Protein backbone atom coordinates (compact mmCIF):
# COMPACT_ATOMS: atom_id res chain seq x y z
CA MET A 1 76.69 7.52 -61.81
CA SER A 2 76.00 8.08 -65.51
CA THR A 3 72.45 8.38 -66.83
CA ALA A 4 73.51 7.82 -70.45
CA PRO A 5 72.58 4.47 -72.01
CA SER A 6 75.41 1.99 -71.53
CA GLY A 7 74.28 -0.70 -73.96
CA PRO A 8 71.87 -1.44 -76.78
CA GLY A 9 69.09 -2.49 -74.41
CA ASP A 10 69.39 0.75 -72.45
CA ALA A 11 69.15 2.83 -75.63
CA ILE A 12 65.99 0.96 -76.69
CA ARG A 13 64.41 1.46 -73.26
CA ALA A 14 65.29 5.18 -73.29
CA GLU A 15 63.86 5.57 -76.80
CA SER A 16 60.65 3.71 -75.93
CA ALA A 17 60.14 5.93 -72.88
CA HIS A 18 60.03 8.93 -75.24
CA ALA A 19 57.47 7.12 -77.41
CA GLU A 20 54.94 6.79 -74.58
CA PRO A 21 51.91 9.08 -74.84
CA LEU A 22 51.76 11.78 -72.18
CA ARG A 23 48.91 11.69 -69.67
CA ALA A 24 47.98 15.23 -70.77
CA ASN A 25 46.55 13.90 -74.04
CA ALA A 26 42.82 13.62 -74.62
CA TRP A 27 41.68 10.05 -75.14
CA GLY A 28 41.82 9.09 -78.80
CA PRO A 29 44.09 8.18 -81.69
CA CYS A 30 46.31 11.29 -81.73
CA TYR A 31 48.82 12.01 -78.98
CA VAL A 32 52.05 13.76 -77.99
CA THR A 33 54.91 11.74 -76.50
CA ALA A 34 57.43 12.50 -73.76
CA ALA A 35 59.89 13.68 -76.42
CA CYS A 36 58.00 17.02 -76.42
CA VAL A 37 60.20 19.96 -75.39
CA GLY A 38 57.33 22.45 -75.07
CA CYS A 39 58.17 24.64 -78.06
CA GLY A 40 54.47 25.35 -78.75
CA LEU A 41 54.66 25.02 -82.52
CA CYS A 42 51.83 22.50 -82.49
CA ALA A 43 49.50 24.89 -80.67
CA ALA A 44 50.43 27.69 -83.08
CA VAL A 45 49.55 25.49 -86.08
CA ALA A 46 46.49 23.70 -84.61
CA PRO A 47 45.24 25.73 -81.62
CA ALA A 48 41.91 23.87 -81.52
CA ASN A 49 43.70 20.59 -80.80
CA PHE A 50 46.77 21.36 -78.68
CA GLY A 51 47.27 22.98 -75.31
CA VAL A 52 50.04 23.52 -72.80
CA THR A 53 50.08 21.46 -69.61
CA PHE A 54 49.37 23.03 -66.24
CA ASP A 55 53.09 23.34 -65.49
CA GLY A 56 53.97 24.73 -68.94
CA ALA A 57 56.55 22.00 -69.54
CA TYR A 58 55.06 20.46 -72.67
CA TYR A 59 51.98 20.33 -74.91
CA GLY A 60 49.36 17.66 -75.40
CA VAL A 61 46.41 16.89 -77.64
CA THR A 62 43.59 18.55 -75.69
CA TYR A 63 40.90 17.75 -78.26
CA GLN A 64 40.98 15.08 -80.94
CA PRO A 65 40.44 16.52 -84.45
CA ASN A 66 36.83 17.05 -85.42
CA GLY A 67 36.22 17.63 -89.11
CA GLU A 68 38.48 18.01 -92.12
CA HIS A 69 39.80 21.47 -91.13
CA GLU A 70 41.08 20.23 -87.75
CA GLN A 71 42.44 17.02 -89.26
CA ARG A 72 44.38 19.05 -91.81
CA ALA A 73 45.74 21.38 -89.12
CA LEU A 74 46.79 18.43 -86.97
CA ARG A 75 48.58 16.82 -89.93
CA GLU A 76 50.43 20.11 -90.47
CA ALA A 77 51.41 20.19 -86.77
CA MET A 78 52.70 16.61 -87.01
CA ALA A 79 54.83 17.51 -90.02
CA ALA A 80 56.13 20.73 -88.43
CA CYS A 81 57.01 19.30 -85.01
CA PRO A 82 60.81 19.57 -84.55
CA GLN A 83 60.83 16.62 -82.11
CA GLN A 84 58.49 14.47 -84.26
CA CYS A 85 56.60 13.67 -81.05
CA ILE A 86 53.04 13.99 -82.38
CA HIS A 87 51.70 10.57 -83.33
CA ASP A 88 48.58 8.54 -83.95
CA ASP A 89 47.77 4.91 -83.26
CA GLY A 90 46.86 4.14 -86.86
CA ASP A 91 43.22 5.16 -86.66
CA THR A 92 41.98 6.95 -89.77
CA ASP A 93 40.59 9.85 -87.67
CA CYS A 94 44.12 11.25 -87.35
CA PRO A 95 45.87 10.85 -90.71
CA LYS A 96 49.65 10.74 -90.88
CA PRO A 97 51.45 13.69 -92.51
CA ARG A 98 52.28 13.28 -96.19
């Protein structure tokens, strides 16, 4: 049995599953999705906001950004993420990368 998407609907469902925020994220506008591969780049760029999960499989937003310095670091992590799996829900507390 193949696990690859067999039609357009399957591809959309598979893509949307990767867009879901992980449970490891702190409540708030910024979050990491299931597309995370656990590379740790986010935590290297913004250590005050990201942390590895208990099983070491991926990273999540452990603390929402507080202040301009953390917001800037989080924007840099969003831009640097190779999986582009760091997102926000449109709230101005977590600006999108430019």
